[in-house]
Each structure stands twice: as C-alpha cells, then as structure tokens.
Amino acid sequence: MRKAGTTRDIRCYLCGHRLTVSARAMSTTCPGCHKAIKIEDVIVKTYIPVVDLQTCGRIKITKRGRVAARRIQSGDGIDCDGIMEGAVETDGDVHFGPKSSWKGTSLLSRSIEIAAGAKLIGIVTVPWHRPEPVEKKKKTARTTTRTTTTTTTTRKTAAKKKTTIKKIAAKKTATKRKVAKKTTTTTTTTKKKKKKKTRK
C-alpha cells in the first residue's frame, strides 16, 4: 500500500525528469519535456491490447488480466499475476506470481522477484537505473557561450566607436588649424598693402 501524504516524488517515464506532485493527482504535465504524463496506479483485470502502457504509478496485472503492448513503462514497479507481453521498463521492482508469464524484447528493472512456475521469455537486465537527463546542462552551456560572445562583440563595437570619434576630433582640429593659418596670412598681406600705400 502507498504511504499517506500530501505530496509524492515521481519521475517522468519519457525524459527522466524528477518532480513533486500532489498525492491525489491522477496526471500532470512534465516540466522537463512539457508532455502529459499519467500518475495513477493501473490495474489490469481483462485483456488490454494497447500501443504503450505508461504510468508513474504502479501497474498490477491480476490472474485473469493480460497486457499486449509495444512498451510497458512504470515508475513504482509492476505486480504481474497474469500475462504480460511487451518491452518492460520500470524504476521500481517487478514481482511475478506462480502462474504468470512475460514475453518481450527486454525487461529493465531495479529488482525482480520470480515465483516458482512463472515463465519469462526475453532479455532481463537487473539492476537497472534510468540515466539522468543531461539536456538542461547543455542548454546552460550554450547560453553562457552566447553571452560571452555578445559581450566581446559589444566591446569591439565600443572600441571602434572610440577610434572613429578620435579620428573625427583630429580632423576637426586640423581643419581649425588650417583656417587659422589662412586668416593669419590674409591679415599679413593686407598690412603689407597698407604700408605700401602710405609710402606712396
């Protein structure tokens, strides 16, 4: 039985992101992959042919239950007393009853318990732990490199602006000097002309 509490820690069966949800929640949206995920426990009492049987809770297959799926994913584990067909992947443990059977390509779980009389056909990998997601780390690294490149480009542009301002200021001073020289030459020539007129 599940322990009573206000919240529970789960892990997304699609991307592996860890999150905390309400204990009464039936489904939610994963903040890691932004996809809808199922949280409630699943009890199979009859034959269910599905493409994917997925939940963050626990899957229980009764003696008369049968699941035929491409992929069976569970967060808390699987209790199988009936027939299960498909690739199994769970972060918890798997229990097989005495008259249960499983057939699939692979079975990945943290631990497994097989009763006498159970039949298993496929590759079993125990213990298995889901790898941690690494997409967020890559994104942060990319953002930091982008910020550094933008800072370097802004510095370069600021340096270019400074050099252009200096050049413009130098040109202005040069033009002022030229104008001053022209005015001095004109004043000297006019003085010389006046002196010549006075001598006459």
Protein backbone atom coordinates (compact mmCIF):
# COMPACT_ATOMS: atom_id res chain seq x y z
CA MET A 1 0.00 0.00 0.00
CA ARG A 2 1.11 3.56 -0.72
CA LYS A 3 2.03 5.74 2.25
CA ALA A 4 -0.41 8.52 3.03
CA GLY A 5 0.89 12.04 2.47
CA THR A 6 0.16 15.35 0.85
CA THR A 7 2.84 15.07 -1.85
CA ARG A 8 4.85 12.38 -3.61
CA ASP A 9 8.06 12.32 -5.62
CA ILE A 10 7.81 10.88 -9.12
CA ARG A 11 9.95 10.63 -12.22
CA CYS A 12 8.82 11.18 -15.78
CA TYR A 13 8.88 7.94 -17.79
CA LEU A 14 9.52 9.89 -21.01
CA CYS A 15 12.51 12.12 -20.16
CA GLY A 16 13.53 11.06 -16.62
CA HIS A 17 12.83 14.46 -15.02
CA ARG A 18 12.16 14.35 -11.28
CA LEU A 19 9.24 16.31 -9.82
CA THR A 20 6.96 16.53 -6.78
CA VAL A 21 3.19 16.34 -7.22
CA SER A 22 0.12 16.06 -5.04
CA ALA A 23 -0.64 12.61 -3.65
CA ARG A 24 -4.15 12.78 -5.14
CA ALA A 25 -3.04 13.81 -8.62
CA MET A 26 -4.04 11.50 -11.47
CA SER A 27 -1.99 13.17 -14.20
CA THR A 28 0.22 16.20 -14.75
CA THR A 29 2.48 17.92 -17.28
CA CYS A 30 6.19 17.24 -17.03
CA PRO A 31 8.23 20.48 -16.79
CA GLY A 32 11.16 18.71 -18.43
CA CYS A 33 9.62 17.52 -21.71
CA HIS A 34 6.33 19.52 -21.45
CA LYS A 35 4.23 16.42 -22.14
CA ALA A 36 1.24 14.99 -20.30
CA ILE A 37 2.12 12.04 -18.07
CA LYS A 38 -0.07 9.62 -16.10
CA ILE A 39 0.46 9.29 -12.33
CA GLU A 40 -2.30 6.98 -11.06
CA ASP A 41 -1.90 3.23 -10.48
CA VAL A 42 -3.16 0.92 -13.23
CA ILE A 43 -4.98 -2.35 -12.51
CA VAL A 44 -5.49 -4.74 -15.43
CA LYS A 45 -8.31 -7.27 -14.92
CA THR A 46 -9.06 -8.25 -18.53
CA TYR A 47 -7.30 -8.36 -21.90
CA ILE A 48 -5.95 -4.92 -22.91
CA PRO A 49 -4.26 -4.50 -26.31
CA VAL A 50 -2.52 -1.08 -26.35
CA VAL A 51 0.42 0.54 -28.07
CA ASP A 52 2.02 1.87 -24.86
CA LEU A 53 1.01 1.28 -21.23
CA GLN A 54 2.67 4.07 -19.26
CA THR A 55 2.28 5.49 -15.75
CA CYS A 56 4.42 6.98 -12.98
CA GLY A 57 2.50 4.80 -10.52
CA ARG A 58 2.37 1.03 -10.14
CA ILE A 59 0.95 -1.50 -12.63
CA LYS A 60 -0.90 -4.55 -11.31
CA ILE A 61 -1.99 -7.39 -13.59
CA THR A 62 -4.42 -9.81 -11.98
CA LYS A 63 -4.67 -13.56 -12.68
CA ARG A 64 -7.25 -13.00 -15.42
CA GLY A 65 -5.52 -9.88 -16.75
CA ARG A 66 -3.44 -9.72 -19.90
CA VAL A 67 -1.48 -6.83 -21.45
CA ALA A 68 -0.24 -6.84 -25.04
CA ALA A 69 1.73 -3.64 -25.71
CA ARG A 70 4.78 -2.45 -27.57
CA ARG A 71 6.14 -0.80 -24.42
CA ILE A 72 5.18 -1.07 -20.74
CA GLN A 73 6.60 1.67 -18.51
CA SER A 74 6.03 2.08 -14.77
CA GLY A 75 7.56 4.37 -12.17
CA ASP A 76 6.83 2.49 -8.94
CA GLY A 77 7.00 -1.08 -10.23
CA ILE A 78 4.90 -3.97 -11.59
CA ASP A 79 2.96 -6.82 -9.95
CA CYS A 80 2.15 -9.49 -12.52
CA ASP A 81 -0.07 -12.48 -11.73
CA GLY A 82 -1.37 -12.82 -15.31
CA ILE A 83 0.14 -12.43 -18.79
CA MET A 84 2.36 -9.55 -19.90
CA GLU A 85 3.69 -9.06 -23.44
CA GLY A 86 5.99 -6.22 -24.48
CA ALA A 87 9.20 -4.41 -23.57
CA VAL A 88 9.14 -3.59 -19.84
CA GLU A 89 10.87 -0.60 -18.23
CA THR A 90 10.38 0.39 -14.59
CA ASP A 91 12.25 2.39 -11.94
CA GLY A 92 10.85 0.07 -9.26
CA ASP A 93 10.74 -3.68 -8.72
CA VAL A 94 8.90 -6.43 -10.63
CA HIS A 95 7.04 -9.34 -8.98
CA PHE A 96 5.93 -12.39 -10.98
CA GLY A 97 3.33 -14.74 -9.49
CA PRO A 98 3.41 -18.54 -9.75
CA LYS A 99 1.21 -18.73 -12.88
CA SER A 100 2.34 -15.52 -14.56
CA SER A 101 4.20 -15.15 -17.84
CA TRP A 102 6.12 -12.47 -19.70
CA LYS A 103 7.35 -12.33 -23.29
CA GLY A 104 9.21 -9.40 -24.83
CA THR A 105 12.44 -7.99 -26.19
CA SER A 106 13.76 -6.64 -22.87
CA LEU A 107 12.88 -6.22 -19.20
CA LEU A 108 14.63 -3.41 -17.28
CA SER A 109 14.01 -3.02 -13.54
CA ARG A 110 15.69 -2.18 -10.25
CA SER A 111 15.00 -5.65 -8.84
CA ILE A 112 12.96 -8.74 -9.76
CA GLU A 113 11.18 -11.47 -7.83
CA ILE A 114 10.08 -14.61 -9.68
CA ALA A 115 7.82 -17.21 -8.08
CA ALA A 116 8.05 -20.91 -8.92
CA GLY A 117 6.05 -21.72 -12.04
CA ALA A 118 6.41 -18.31 -13.73
CA LYS A 119 7.56 -18.21 -17.37
CA LEU A 120 9.83 -15.46 -18.74
CA ILE A 121 10.99 -15.19 -22.35
CA GLY A 122 13.31 -12.30 -23.19
CA ILE A 123 16.40 -10.42 -22.02
CA VAL A 124 16.25 -9.37 -18.35
CA THR A 125 18.53 -6.57 -17.06
CA VAL A 126 18.66 -6.23 -13.26
CA PRO A 127 19.61 -3.95 -11.55
CA TRP A 128 18.79 -1.13 -13.96
CA HIS A 129 18.73 2.60 -13.25
CA ARG A 130 17.34 5.21 -15.58
CA PRO A 131 20.05 7.69 -16.67
CA GLU A 132 19.69 11.28 -15.51
CA PRO A 133 18.64 13.84 -18.15
CA VAL A 134 21.52 15.99 -19.46
CA GLU A 135 19.66 18.33 -21.86
CA LYS A 136 19.46 21.21 -19.35
CA LYS A 137 23.21 21.27 -18.74
CA LYS A 138 23.89 21.56 -22.47
CA LYS A 139 21.45 24.43 -22.80
CA THR A 140 23.05 26.39 -19.96
CA ALA A 141 26.49 25.93 -21.52
CA ARG A 142 25.24 27.25 -24.84
CA THR A 143 23.65 30.29 -23.23
CA THR A 144 26.87 31.16 -21.38
CA THR A 145 28.92 30.96 -24.57
CA ARG A 146 26.41 33.18 -26.33
CA THR A 147 26.57 35.79 -23.58
CA THR A 148 30.37 35.85 -23.69
CA THR A 149 30.37 36.27 -27.46
CA THR A 150 27.86 39.12 -27.23
CA THR A 151 29.97 40.90 -24.60
CA THR A 152 33.09 40.60 -26.77
CA THR A 153 31.22 41.96 -29.80
CA THR A 154 29.88 44.90 -27.78
CA ARG A 155 33.39 45.69 -26.56
CA LYS A 156 34.70 45.61 -30.13
CA THR A 157 31.95 47.93 -31.33
CA ALA A 158 32.63 50.33 -28.43
CA ALA A 159 36.35 50.37 -29.29
CA LYS A 160 35.52 51.08 -32.95
CA LYS A 161 33.25 53.96 -31.93
CA LYS A 162 36.02 55.45 -29.77
CA THR A 163 38.54 55.27 -32.63
CA THR A 164 36.10 56.90 -35.06
CA ILE A 165 35.37 59.70 -32.55
CA LYS A 166 39.12 60.31 -32.11
CA LYS A 167 39.60 60.47 -35.89
CA ILE A 168 36.74 62.95 -36.27
CA ALA A 169 38.15 65.12 -33.46
CA ALA A 170 41.62 65.05 -35.07
CA LYS A 171 40.16 66.10 -38.44
CA LYS A 172 38.27 68.97 -36.82
CA THR A 173 41.41 70.27 -35.07
CA ALA A 174 43.37 70.01 -38.33
CA THR A 175 40.73 71.98 -40.23
CA LYS A 176 40.69 74.64 -37.47
CA ARG A 177 44.47 74.99 -37.71
CA LYS A 178 44.28 75.40 -41.49
CA VAL A 179 41.60 78.07 -41.15
CA ALA A 180 43.69 79.89 -38.54
CA LYS A 181 46.76 79.83 -40.84
CA LYS A 182 44.72 81.23 -43.75
CA THR A 183 43.38 84.08 -41.61
CA THR A 184 46.90 85.00 -40.41
CA THR A 185 48.24 85.03 -43.96
CA THR A 186 45.39 87.26 -45.17
CA THR A 187 45.95 89.75 -42.33
CA THR A 188 49.69 89.97 -43.06
CA THR A 189 49.08 90.60 -46.77
CA THR A 190 46.57 93.36 -46.02
CA LYS A 191 49.04 95.04 -43.63
CA LYS A 192 51.78 94.98 -46.29
CA LYS A 193 49.45 96.56 -48.84
CA LYS A 194 48.56 99.37 -46.42
CA LYS A 195 52.23 100.10 -45.76
CA LYS A 196 52.93 100.37 -49.50
CA LYS A 197 50.06 102.83 -49.91
CA THR A 198 51.33 105.03 -47.07
CA ARG A 199 54.83 105.22 -48.60
CA LYS A 200 53.44 106.44 -51.89
